[in-house]
PDB file of N, CA and C in Angstrom:
ATOM      1  N   MET A   1      -6.482 119.370 -64.783  1.00  0.00           N
ATOM      2  CA  MET A   1      -5.416 118.450 -64.474  1.00  0.00           C
ATOM      3  C   MET A   1      -5.196 118.424 -62.951  1.00  0.00           C
ATOM      4  N   GLU A   2      -4.908 117.254 -62.434  1.00  0.00           N
ATOM      5  CA  GLU A   2      -4.738 117.113 -60.987  1.00  0.00           C
ATOM      6  C   GLU A   2      -3.390 117.673 -60.554  1.00  0.00           C
ATOM      7  N   SER A   3      -3.406 118.277 -59.395  1.00  0.00           N
ATOM      8  CA  SER A   3      -2.138 118.755 -58.843  1.00  0.00           C
ATOM      9  C   SER A   3      -1.430 117.576 -58.189  1.00  0.00           C
ATOM     10  N   ASN A   4      -0.163 117.791 -57.890  1.00  0.00           N
ATOM     11  CA  ASN A   4       0.618 116.731 -57.228  1.00  0.00           C
ATOM     12  C   ASN A   4       0.017 116.355 -55.884  1.00  0.00           C
ATOM     13  N   ASN A   5      -0.520 117.315 -55.169  1.00  0.00           N
ATOM     14  CA  ASN A   5      -1.134 117.035 -53.867  1.00  0.00           C
ATOM     15  C   ASN A   5      -2.365 116.150 -54.022  1.00  0.00           C
ATOM     16  N   ASP A   6      -3.167 116.419 -55.073  1.00  0.00           N
ATOM     17  CA  ASP A   6      -4.360 115.596 -55.300  1.00  0.00           C
ATOM     18  C   ASP A   6      -3.981 114.168 -55.656  1.00  0.00           C
ATOM     19  N   MET A   7      -2.968 114.002 -56.508  1.00  0.00           N
ATOM     20  CA  MET A   7      -2.527 112.648 -56.883  1.00  0.00           C
ATOM     21  C   MET A   7      -1.993 111.905 -55.664  1.00  0.00           C
ATOM     22  N   PHE A   8      -1.215 112.609 -54.845  1.00  0.00           N
ATOM     23  CA  PHE A   8      -0.689 111.997 -53.633  1.00  0.00           C
ATOM     24  C   PHE A   8      -1.832 111.573 -52.716  1.00  0.00           C
ATOM     25  N   TYR A   9      -2.826 112.437 -52.556  1.00  0.00           N
ATOM     26  CA  TYR A   9      -3.972 112.124 -51.714  1.00  0.00           C
ATOM     27  C   TYR A   9      -4.734 110.912 -52.252  1.00  0.00           C
ATOM     28  N   ASN A  10      -4.937 110.839 -53.565  1.00  0.00           N
ATOM     29  CA  ASN A  10      -5.644 109.702 -54.168  1.00  0.00           C
ATOM     30  C   ASN A  10      -4.858 108.409 -54.006  1.00  0.00           C
ATOM     31  N   ASP A  11      -3.538 108.481 -54.183  1.00  0.00           N
ATOM     32  CA  ASP A  11      -2.704 107.294 -54.001  1.00  0.00           C
ATOM     33  C   ASP A  11      -2.756 106.808 -52.557  1.00  0.00           C
ATOM     34  N   ARG A  12      -2.686 107.734 -51.612  1.00  0.00           N
ATOM     35  CA  ARG A  12      -2.727 107.355 -50.197  1.00  0.00           C
ATOM     36  C   ARG A  12      -4.086 106.756 -49.848  1.00  0.00           C
ATOM     37  N   ARG A  13      -5.152 107.335 -50.420  1.00  0.00           N
ATOM     38  CA  ARG A  13      -6.495 106.809 -50.165  1.00  0.00           C
ATOM     39  C   ARG A  13      -6.634 105.406 -50.759  1.00  0.00           C
ATOM     40  N   SER A  14      -6.056 105.173 -51.931  1.00  0.00           N
ATOM     41  CA  SER A  14      -6.100 103.849 -52.553  1.00  0.00           C
ATOM     42  C   SER A  14      -5.351 102.822 -51.709  1.00  0.00           C
ATOM     43  N   GLU A  15      -4.198 103.225 -51.197  1.00  0.00           N
ATOM     44  CA  GLU A  15      -3.436 102.326 -50.333  1.00  0.00           C
ATOM     45  C   GLU A  15      -4.227 101.995 -49.074  1.00  0.00           C
ATOM     46  N   LYS A  16      -4.835 103.003 -48.479  1.00  0.00           N
ATOM     47  CA  LYS A  16      -5.618 102.784 -47.273  1.00  0.00           C
ATOM     48  C   LYS A  16      -6.803 101.862 -47.566  1.00  0.00           C
ATOM     49  N   ASN A  17      -7.465 102.076 -48.685  1.00  0.00           N
ATOM     50  CA  ASN A  17      -8.580 101.201 -49.050  1.00  0.00           C
ATOM     51  C   ASN A  17      -8.123  99.759 -49.210  1.00  0.00           C
ATOM     52  N   PHE A  18      -6.969  99.585 -49.846  1.00  0.00           N
ATOM     53  CA  PHE A  18      -6.461  98.220 -50.023  1.00  0.00           C
ATOM     54  C   PHE A  18      -6.124  97.586 -48.674  1.00  0.00           C
ATOM     55  N   VAL A  19      -5.445  98.323 -47.819  1.00  0.00           N
ATOM     56  CA  VAL A  19      -5.061  97.787 -46.505  1.00  0.00           C
ATOM     57  C   VAL A  19      -6.317  97.441 -45.700  1.00  0.00           C
ATOM     58  N   ASP A  20      -7.323  98.313 -45.752  1.00  0.00           N
ATOM     59  CA  ASP A  20      -8.578  98.029 -45.044  1.00  0.00           C
ATOM     60  C   ASP A  20      -9.242  96.769 -45.596  1.00  0.00           C
ATOM     61  N   TRP A  21      -9.269  96.645 -46.920  1.00  0.00           N
ATOM     62  CA  TRP A  21      -9.853  95.469 -47.562  1.00  0.00           C
ATOM     63  C   TRP A  21      -9.097  94.211 -47.143  1.00  0.00           C
ATOM     64  N   ALA A  22      -7.758  94.248 -47.192  1.00  0.00           N
ATOM     65  CA  ALA A  22      -6.943  93.083 -46.824  1.00  0.00           C
ATOM     66  C   ALA A  22      -7.169  92.715 -45.356  1.00  0.00           C
ATOM     67  N   TYR A  23      -7.221  93.708 -44.486  1.00  0.00           N
ATOM     68  CA  TYR A  23      -7.464  93.457 -43.064  1.00  0.00           C
ATOM     69  C   TYR A  23      -8.807  92.752 -42.872  1.00  0.00           C
ATOM     70  N   ASP A  24      -9.849  93.231 -43.553  1.00  0.00           N
ATOM     71  CA  ASP A  24     -11.173  92.612 -43.441  1.00  0.00           C
ATOM     72  C   ASP A  24     -11.160  91.176 -43.945  1.00  0.00           C
ATOM     73  N   LYS A  25     -10.476  90.936 -45.069  1.00  0.00           N
ATOM     74  CA  LYS A  25     -10.403  89.570 -45.628  1.00  0.00           C
ATOM     75  C   LYS A  25      -9.689  88.625 -44.671  1.00  0.00           C
ATOM     76  N   ILE A  26      -8.590  89.081 -44.092  1.00  0.00           N
ATOM     77  CA  ILE A  26      -7.844  88.237 -43.150  1.00  0.00           C
ATOM     78  C   ILE A  26      -8.703  87.960 -41.913  1.00  0.00           C
ATOM     79  N   ALA A  27      -9.399  88.971 -41.433  1.00  0.00           N
ATOM     80  CA  ALA A  27     -10.272  88.787 -40.271  1.00  0.00           C
ATOM     81  C   ALA A  27     -11.372  87.782 -40.574  1.00  0.00           C
ATOM     82  N   GLU A  28     -11.968  87.868 -41.767  1.00  0.00           N
ATOM     83  CA  GLU A  28     -13.004  86.907 -42.170  1.00  0.00           C
ATOM     84  C   GLU A  28     -12.430  85.488 -42.220  1.00  0.00           C
ATOM     85  N   GLU A  29     -11.248  85.351 -42.799  1.00  0.00           N
ATOM     86  CA  GLU A  29     -10.617  84.027 -42.926  1.00  0.00           C
ATOM     87  C   GLU A  29     -10.283  83.454 -41.549  1.00  0.00           C
ATOM     88  N   MET A  30      -9.762  84.276 -40.649  1.00  0.00           N
ATOM     89  CA  MET A  30      -9.443  83.808 -39.300  1.00  0.00           C
ATOM     90  C   MET A  30     -10.705  83.369 -38.568  1.00  0.00           C
ATOM     91  N   LYS A  31     -11.778  84.103 -38.735  1.00  0.00           N
ATOM     92  CA  LYS A  31     -13.042  83.726 -38.097  1.00  0.00           C
ATOM     93  C   LYS A  31     -13.516  82.380 -38.641  1.00  0.00           C
ATOM     94  N   ARG A  32     -13.417  82.198 -39.953  1.00  0.00           N
ATOM     95  CA  ARG A  32     -13.836  80.935 -40.580  1.00  0.00           C
ATOM     96  C   ARG A  32     -12.973  79.767 -40.087  1.00  0.00           C
ATOM     97  N   ILE A  33     -11.685  79.985 -39.972  1.00  0.00           N
ATOM     98  CA  ILE A  33     -10.784  78.935 -39.473  1.00  0.00           C
ATOM     99  C   ILE A  33     -11.154  78.572 -38.041  1.00  0.00           C
ATOM    100  N   GLU A  34     -11.417  79.571 -37.212  1.00  0.00           N
ATOM    101  CA  GLU A  34     -11.811  79.306 -35.822  1.00  0.00           C
ATOM    102  C   GLU A  34     -13.110  78.517 -35.764  1.00  0.00           C
ATOM    103  N   GLU A  35     -14.066  78.847 -36.640  1.00  0.00           N
ATOM    104  CA  GLU A  35     -15.331  78.102 -36.677  1.00  0.00           C
ATOM    105  C   GLU A  35     -15.094  76.651 -37.079  1.00  0.00           C
ATOM    106  N   LEU A  36     -14.247  76.439 -38.073  1.00  0.00           N
ATOM    107  CA  LEU A  36     -13.951  75.072 -38.511  1.00  0.00           C
ATOM    108  C   LEU A  36     -13.223  74.286 -37.426  1.00  0.00           C
ATOM    109  N   GLU A  37     -12.268  74.928 -36.750  1.00  0.00           N
ATOM    110  CA  GLU A  37     -11.552  74.242 -35.676  1.00  0.00           C
ATOM    111  C   GLU A  37     -12.492  73.905 -34.531  1.00  0.00           C
ATOM    112  N   GLU A  38     -13.441  74.801 -34.254  1.00  0.00           N
ATOM    113  CA  GLU A  38     -14.411  74.538 -33.191  1.00  0.00           C
ATOM    114  C   GLU A  38     -15.302  73.359 -33.563  1.00  0.00           C
ATOM    115  N   GLU A  39     -15.664  73.281 -34.841  1.00  0.00           N
ATOM    116  CA  GLU A  39     -16.548  72.214 -35.294  1.00  0.00           C
ATOM    117  C   GLU A  39     -15.824  70.877 -35.473  1.00  0.00           C
ATOM    118  N   PHE A  40     -14.614  70.917 -36.054  1.00  0.00           N
ATOM    119  CA  PHE A  40     -13.929  69.680 -36.423  1.00  0.00           C
ATOM    120  C   PHE A  40     -12.650  69.419 -35.639  1.00  0.00           C
ATOM    121  N   GLY A  41     -12.181  70.359 -34.868  1.00  0.00           N
ATOM    122  CA  GLY A  41     -10.903  70.209 -34.183  1.00  0.00           C
ATOM    123  C   GLY A  41      -9.771  70.707 -35.062  1.00  0.00           C
ATOM    124  N   THR A  42      -8.569  70.630 -34.543  1.00  0.00           N
ATOM    125  CA  THR A  42      -7.420  71.100 -35.310  1.00  0.00           C
ATOM    126  C   THR A  42      -6.860  69.967 -36.146  1.00  0.00           C
ATOM    127  N   SER A  43      -5.956  70.315 -37.047  1.00  0.00           N
ATOM    128  CA  SER A  43      -5.359  69.301 -37.915  1.00  0.00           C
ATOM    129  C   SER A  43      -4.100  68.706 -37.306  1.00  0.00           C
ATOM    130  N   GLU A  44      -3.779  69.120 -36.100  1.00  0.00           N
ATOM    131  CA  GLU A  44      -2.583  68.600 -35.459  1.00  0.00           C
ATOM    132  C   GLU A  44      -2.794  67.143 -35.074  1.00  0.00           C
ATOM    133  N   HIS A  45      -1.827  66.325 -35.397  1.00  0.00           N
ATOM    134  CA  HIS A  45      -1.905  64.909 -35.071  1.00  0.00           C
ATOM    135  C   HIS A  45      -0.603  64.531 -34.387  1.00  0.00           C
ATOM    136  N   VAL A  46      -0.691  64.109 -33.147  1.00  0.00           N
ATOM    137  CA  VAL A  46       0.502  63.799 -32.374  1.00  0.00           C
ATOM    138  C   VAL A  46       0.598  62.295 -32.210  1.00  0.00           C
ATOM    139  N   LEU A  47       1.732  61.751 -32.584  1.00  0.00           N
ATOM    140  CA  LEU A  47       1.976  60.322 -32.444  1.00  0.00           C
ATOM    141  C   LEU A  47       2.851  60.070 -31.224  1.00  0.00           C
ATOM    142  N   PRO A  48       2.755  58.876 -30.664  1.00  0.00           N
ATOM    143  CA  PRO A  48       3.609  58.577 -29.513  1.00  0.00           C
ATOM    144  C   PRO A  48       5.083  58.658 -29.892  1.00  0.00           C
ATOM    145  N   SER A  49       5.889  59.116 -28.963  1.00  0.00           N
ATOM    146  CA  SER A  49       7.320  59.264 -29.212  1.00  0.00           C
ATOM    147  C   SER A  49       7.988  57.902 -29.286  1.00  0.00           C
ATOM    148  N   ARG A  50       8.947  57.798 -30.161  1.00  0.00           N
ATOM    149  CA  ARG A  50       9.741  56.572 -30.274  1.00  0.00           C
ATOM    150  C   ARG A  50      11.176  56.850 -29.830  1.00  0.00           C
ATOM    151  N   ASP A  51      11.343  57.859 -28.998  1.00  0.00           N
ATOM    152  CA  ASP A  51      12.663  58.232 -28.481  1.00  0.00           C
ATOM    153  C   ASP A  51      13.653  58.525 -29.599  1.00  0.00           C
ATOM    154  N   ASN A  52      13.147  59.072 -30.716  1.00  0.00           N
ATOM    155  CA  ASN A  52      13.990  59.431 -31.856  1.00  0.00           C
ATOM    156  C   ASN A  52      14.876  58.291 -32.334  1.00  0.00           C
ATOM    157  N   ARG A  53      14.367  57.077 -32.240  1.00  0.00           N
ATOM    158  CA  ARG A  53      15.141  55.933 -32.698  1.00  0.00           C
ATOM    159  C   ARG A  53      14.997  55.798 -34.201  1.00  0.00           C
ATOM    160  N   SER A  54      16.050  55.420 -34.844  1.00  0.00           N
ATOM    161  CA  SER A  54      16.024  55.194 -36.280  1.00  0.00           C
ATOM    162  C   SER A  54      15.212  53.933 -36.566  1.00  0.00           C
ATOM    163  N   PRO A  55      14.475  53.885 -37.678  1.00  0.00           N
ATOM    164  CA  PRO A  55      13.715  52.683 -38.006  1.00  0.00           C
ATOM    165  C   PRO A  55      14.598  51.439 -38.093  1.00  0.00           C
ATOM    166  N   VAL A  56      15.866  51.628 -38.408  1.00  0.00           N
ATOM    167  CA  VAL A  56      16.793  50.495 -38.512  1.00  0.00           C
ATOM    168  C   VAL A  56      16.990  49.836 -37.151  1.00  0.00           C
ATOM    169  N   ASN A  57      16.919  50.632 -36.088  1.00  0.00           N
ATOM    170  CA  ASN A  57      17.184  50.116 -34.752  1.00  0.00           C
ATOM    171  C   ASN A  57      15.943  49.620 -34.023  1.00  0.00           C
ATOM    172  N   LEU A  58      14.782  49.654 -34.682  1.00  0.00           N
ATOM    173  CA  LEU A  58      13.566  49.174 -34.028  1.00  0.00           C
ATOM    174  C   LEU A  58      13.564  47.650 -33.969  1.00  0.00           C
ATOM    175  N   THR A  59      13.021  47.127 -32.882  1.00  0.00           N
ATOM    176  CA  THR A  59      12.868  45.673 -32.791  1.00  0.00           C
ATOM    177  C   THR A  59      11.762  45.238 -33.753  1.00  0.00           C
ATOM    178  N   GLU A  60      11.659  43.937 -33.992  1.00  0.00           N
ATOM    179  CA  GLU A  60      10.599  43.443 -34.877  1.00  0.00           C
ATOM    180  C   GLU A  60       9.220  43.784 -34.325  1.00  0.00           C
ATOM    181  N   ASP A  61       9.043  43.680 -33.007  1.00  0.00           N
ATOM    182  CA  ASP A  61       7.755  44.046 -32.406  1.00  0.00           C
ATOM    183  C   ASP A  61       7.435  45.521 -32.622  1.00  0.00           C
ATOM    184  N   GLU A  62       8.457  46.377 -32.502  1.00  0.00           N
ATOM    185  CA  GLU A  62       8.255  47.807 -32.740  1.00  0.00           C
ATOM    186  C   GLU A  62       7.952  48.087 -34.213  1.00  0.00           C
ATOM    187  N   GLN A  63       8.577  47.339 -35.104  1.00  0.00           N
ATOM    188  CA  GLN A  63       8.290  47.485 -36.528  1.00  0.00           C
ATOM    189  C   GLN A  63       6.835  47.109 -36.818  1.00  0.00           C
ATOM    190  N   ILE A  64       6.386  46.010 -36.231  1.00  0.00           N
ATOM    191  CA  ILE A  64       4.995  45.576 -36.420  1.00  0.00           C
ATOM    192  C   ILE A  64       4.042  46.612 -35.833  1.00  0.00           C
ATOM    193  N   GLN A  65       4.358  47.137 -34.658  1.00  0.00           N
ATOM    194  CA  GLN A  65       3.511  48.167 -34.058  1.00  0.00           C
ATOM    195  C   GLN A  65       3.458  49.406 -34.951  1.00  0.00           C
ATOM    196  N   THR A  66       4.582  49.754 -35.558  1.00  0.00           N
ATOM    197  CA  THR A  66       4.615  50.895 -36.477  1.00  0.00           C
ATOM    198  C   THR A  66       3.702  50.645 -37.673  1.00  0.00           C
ATOM    199  N   ILE A  67       3.707  49.421 -38.182  1.00  0.00           N
ATOM    200  CA  ILE A  67       2.808  49.062 -39.288  1.00  0.00           C
ATOM    201  C   ILE A  67       1.357  49.266 -38.852  1.00  0.00           C
ATOM    202  N   HIS A  68       1.025  48.813 -37.656  1.00  0.00           N
ATOM    203  CA  HIS A  68      -0.340  48.992 -37.138  1.00  0.00           C
ATOM    204  C   HIS A  68      -0.685  50.477 -36.977  1.00  0.00           C
ATOM    205  N   ASP A  69       0.290  51.262 -36.487  1.00  0.00           N
ATOM    206  CA  ASP A  69       0.063  52.702 -36.340  1.00  0.00           C
ATOM    207  C   ASP A  69      -0.239  53.346 -37.697  1.00  0.00           C
ATOM    208  N   ILE A  70       0.521  52.962 -38.702  1.00  0.00           N
ATOM    209  CA  ILE A  70       0.307  53.504 -40.050  1.00  0.00           C
ATOM    210  C   ILE A  70      -1.041  53.051 -40.585  1.00  0.00           C
ATOM    211  N   ASP A  71      -1.385  51.792 -40.358  1.00  0.00           N
ATOM    212  CA  ASP A  71      -2.679  51.290 -40.827  1.00  0.00           C
ATOM    213  C   ASP A  71      -3.840  52.047 -40.168  1.00  0.00           C
ATOM    214  N   LYS A  72      -3.680  52.400 -38.887  1.00  0.00           N
ATOM    215  CA  LYS A  72      -4.726  53.188 -38.206  1.00  0.00           C
ATOM    216  C   LYS A  72      -4.866  54.564 -38.859  1.00  0.00           C
ATOM    217  N   LEU A  73      -3.729  55.178 -39.169  1.00  0.00           N
ATOM    218  CA  LEU A  73      -3.770  56.484 -39.837  1.00  0.00           C
ATOM    219  C   LEU A  73      -4.415  56.361 -41.219  1.00  0.00           C
ATOM    220  N   ARG A  74      -4.136  55.273 -41.899  1.00  0.00           N
ATOM    221  CA  ARG A  74      -4.747  55.061 -43.212  1.00  0.00           C
ATOM    222  C   ARG A  74      -6.254  54.892 -43.082  1.00  0.00           C
ATOM    223  N   ASP A  75      -6.704  54.234 -42.002  1.00  0.00           N
ATOM    224  CA  ASP A  75      -8.145  54.107 -41.747  1.00  0.00           C
ATOM    225  C   ASP A  75      -8.793  55.468 -41.513  1.00  0.00           C
ATOM    226  N   GLU A  76      -7.995  56.420 -41.008  1.00  0.00           N
ATOM    227  CA  GLU A  76      -8.495  57.775 -40.775  1.00  0.00           C
ATOM    228  C   GLU A  76      -8.492  58.627 -42.047  1.00  0.00           C
ATOM    229  N   GLY A  77      -7.960  58.070 -43.139  1.00  0.00           N
ATOM    230  CA  GLY A  77      -7.998  58.786 -44.413  1.00  0.00           C
ATOM    231  C   GLY A  77      -6.659  59.265 -44.932  1.00  0.00           C
ATOM    232  N   TYR A  78      -5.581  59.036 -44.195  1.00  0.00           N
ATOM    233  CA  TYR A  78      -4.264  59.436 -44.673  1.00  0.00           C
ATOM    234  C   TYR A  78      -3.783  58.466 -45.747  1.00  0.00           C
ATOM    235  N   THR A  79      -2.984  58.955 -46.690  1.00  0.00           N
ATOM    236  CA  THR A  79      -2.351  58.052 -47.651  1.00  0.00           C
ATOM    237  C   THR A  79      -1.229  57.315 -46.931  1.00  0.00           C
ATOM    238  N   TYR A  80      -0.795  56.194 -47.496  1.00  0.00           N
ATOM    239  CA  TYR A  80       0.270  55.442 -46.818  1.00  0.00           C
ATOM    240  C   TYR A  80       1.560  56.262 -46.789  1.00  0.00           C
ATOM    241  N   LYS A  81       1.759  57.113 -47.787  1.00  0.00           N
ATOM    242  CA  LYS A  81       2.976  57.933 -47.803  1.00  0.00           C
ATOM    243  C   LYS A  81       2.974  58.929 -46.653  1.00  0.00           C
ATOM    244  N   ILE A  82       1.879  59.635 -46.479  1.00  0.00           N
ATOM    245  CA  ILE A  82       1.805  60.621 -45.400  1.00  0.00           C
ATOM    246  C   ILE A  82       1.813  59.931 -44.043  1.00  0.00           C
ATOM    247  N   ALA A  83       1.070  58.831 -43.919  1.00  0.00           N
ATOM    248  CA  ALA A  83       1.030  58.091 -42.652  1.00  0.00           C
ATOM    249  C   ALA A  83       2.422  57.585 -42.280  1.00  0.00           C
ATOM    250  N   SER A  84       3.165  57.103 -43.259  1.00  0.00           N
ATOM    251  CA  SER A  84       4.526  56.622 -42.996  1.00  0.00           C
ATOM    252  C   SER A  84       5.411  57.752 -42.494  1.00  0.00           C
ATOM    253  N   GLU A  85       5.313  58.898 -43.160  1.00  0.00           N
ATOM    254  CA  GLU A  85       6.136  60.034 -42.748  1.00  0.00           C
ATOM    255  C   GLU A  85       5.746  60.525 -41.354  1.00  0.00           C
ATOM    256  N   LEU A  86       4.449  60.463 -41.014  1.00  0.00           N
ATOM    257  CA  LEU A  86       4.029  60.847 -39.665  1.00  0.00           C
ATOM    258  C   LEU A  86       4.621  59.913 -38.616  1.00  0.00           C
ATOM    259  N   CYS A  87       4.886  58.681 -39.006  1.00  0.00           N
ATOM    260  CA  CYS A  87       5.486  57.705 -38.083  1.00  0.00           C
ATOM    261  C   CYS A  87       7.008  57.653 -38.223  1.00  0.00           C
ATOM    262  N   ASN A  88       7.560  58.625 -38.928  1.00  0.00           N
ATOM    263  CA  ASN A  88       9.018  58.779 -39.070  1.00  0.00           C
ATOM    264  C   ASN A  88       9.703  57.630 -39.782  1.00  0.00           C
ATOM    265  N   ILE A  89       9.020  57.042 -40.766  1.00  0.00           N
ATOM    266  CA  ILE A  89       9.690  56.066 -41.622  1.00  0.00           C
ATOM    267  C   ILE A  89       9.375  56.398 -43.073  1.00  0.00           C
ATOM    268  N   ALA A  90      10.212  55.934 -43.957  1.00  0.00           N
ATOM    269  CA  ALA A  90       9.987  56.151 -45.381  1.00  0.00           C
ATOM    270  C   ALA A  90       8.843  55.249 -45.846  1.00  0.00           C
ATOM    271  N   PRO A  91       8.047  55.711 -46.810  1.00  0.00           N
ATOM    272  CA  PRO A  91       6.969  54.861 -47.330  1.00  0.00           C
ATOM    273  C   PRO A  91       7.475  53.512 -47.838  1.00  0.00           C
ATOM    274  N   SER A  92       8.678  53.498 -48.417  1.00  0.00           N
ATOM    275  CA  SER A  92       9.233  52.231 -48.902  1.00  0.00           C
ATOM    276  C   SER A  92       9.537  51.272 -47.750  1.00  0.00           C
ATOM    277  N   THR A  93       9.910  51.823 -46.593  1.00  0.00           N
ATOM    278  CA  THR A  93      10.157  50.987 -45.408  1.00  0.00           C
ATOM    279  C   THR A  93       8.854  50.355 -44.948  1.00  0.00           C
ATOM    280  N   TYR A  94       7.773  51.126 -44.975  1.00  0.00           N
ATOM    281  CA  TYR A  94       6.459  50.589 -44.604  1.00  0.00           C
ATOM    282  C   TYR A  94       6.096  49.399 -45.498  1.00  0.00           C
ATOM    283  N   THR A  95       6.224  49.564 -46.811  1.00  0.00           N
ATOM    284  CA  THR A  95       5.848  48.459 -47.709  1.00  0.00           C
ATOM    285  C   THR A  95       6.794  47.270 -47.536  1.00  0.00           C
ATOM    286  N   LYS A  96       8.062  47.533 -47.282  1.00  0.00           N
ATOM    287  CA  LYS A  96       9.016  46.443 -47.051  1.00  0.00           C
ATOM    288  C   LYS A  96       8.652  45.663 -45.794  1.00  0.00           C
ATOM    289  N   TRP A  97       8.359  46.389 -44.702  1.00  0.00           N
ATOM    290  CA  TRP A  97       7.984  45.726 -43.451  1.00  0.00           C
ATOM    291  C   TRP A  97       6.649  45.005 -43.601  1.00  0.00           C
ATOM    292  N   LYS A  98       5.739  45.585 -44.352  1.00  0.00           N
ATOM    293  CA  LYS A  98       4.421  44.965 -44.551  1.00  0.00           C
ATOM    294  C   LYS A  98       4.592  43.597 -45.230  1.00  0.00           C
ATOM    295  N   ARG A  99       5.462  43.542 -46.227  1.00  0.00           N
ATOM    296  CA  ARG A  99       5.741  42.252 -46.892  1.00  0.00           C
ATOM    297  C   ARG A  99       6.476  41.294 -45.949  1.00  0.00           C
ATOM    298  N   LYS A 100       7.447  41.821 -45.221  1.00  0.00           N
ATOM    299  CA  LYS A 100       8.264  41.004 -44.319  1.00  0.00           C
ATOM    300  C   LYS A 100       7.413  40.323 -43.250  1.00  0.00           C
ATOM    301  N   PHE A 101       6.423  41.052 -42.696  1.00  0.00           N
ATOM    302  CA  PHE A 101       5.630  40.534 -41.587  1.00  0.00           C
ATOM    303  C   PHE A 101       4.225  40.110 -42.000  1.00  0.00           C
ATOM    304  N   LYS A 102       4.016  39.890 -43.268  1.00  0.00           N
ATOM    305  CA  LYS A 102       2.676  39.573 -43.769  1.00  0.00           C
ATOM    306  C   LYS A 102       2.020  38.436 -42.985  1.00  0.00           C
ATOM    307  N   ALA A 103       2.755  37.383 -42.725  1.00  0.00           N
ATOM    308  CA  ALA A 103       2.194  36.225 -42.023  1.00  0.00           C
ATOM    309  C   ALA A 103       1.896  36.545 -40.549  1.00  0.00           C
ATOM    310  N   ARG A 104       2.663  37.457 -39.944  1.00  0.00           N
ATOM    311  CA  ARG A 104       2.510  37.754 -38.517  1.00  0.00           C
ATOM    312  C   ARG A 104       1.518  38.867 -38.233  1.00  0.00           C
ATOM    313  N   LEU A 105       1.122  39.606 -39.259  1.00  0.00           N
ATOM    314  CA  LEU A 105       0.234  40.740 -39.013  1.00  0.00           C
ATOM    315  C   LEU A 105      -1.171  40.252 -38.716  1.00  0.00           C
ATOM    316  N   GLY A 106      -1.657  40.679 -37.618  1.00  0.00           N
ATOM    317  CA  GLY A 106      -3.010  40.335 -37.212  1.00  0.00           C
ATOM    318  C   GLY A 106      -3.624  41.538 -36.568  1.00  0.00           C
ATOM    319  N   LYS A 107      -4.191  41.346 -35.402  1.00  0.00           N
ATOM    320  CA  LYS A 107      -4.776  42.460 -34.658  1.00  0.00           C
ATOM    321  C   LYS A 107      -3.677  43.403 -34.191  1.00  0.00           C
ATOM    322  N   PRO A 108      -3.959  44.699 -34.188  1.00  0.00           N
ATOM    323  CA  PRO A 108      -2.964  45.639 -33.658  1.00  0.00           C
ATOM    324  C   PRO A 108      -2.676  45.356 -32.190  1.00  0.00           C
ATOM    325  N   GLN A 109      -1.418  45.552 -31.828  1.00  0.00           N
ATOM    326  CA  GLN A 109      -1.039  45.364 -30.427  1.00  0.00           C
ATOM    327  C   GLN A 109      -1.538  46.528 -29.627  1.00  0.00           C
ATOM    328  N   GLU A 110      -2.076  46.280 -28.463  1.00  0.00           N
ATOM    329  CA  GLU A 110      -2.611  47.329 -27.591  1.00  0.00           C
ATOM    330  C   GLU A 110      -1.524  47.847 -26.690  1.00  0.00           C
TER     331      GLU A 110
END
């Protein structure tokens, strides 16, 4: 039968093995993330500031530009919901503005 000292030693060794294993896994994952970021870039996407203006206070030209901004994000693979949120408007606002300006929407404004 194991003495208390032996059980304590085995428990401590098990904890150390787990911590070592976890450390190695985290290190492997961090290395993989760095490789992916080096290859593809980061996932950070920064949009131009709108001076924290509420969508309600945007001019019609700014609303149309926002639609174009969202459409560009959608071309990059974002869903309209995520693209809308990245542009600080509700997805329902995007669809409402899209219908409102359907006749005026053409080339994106530069």
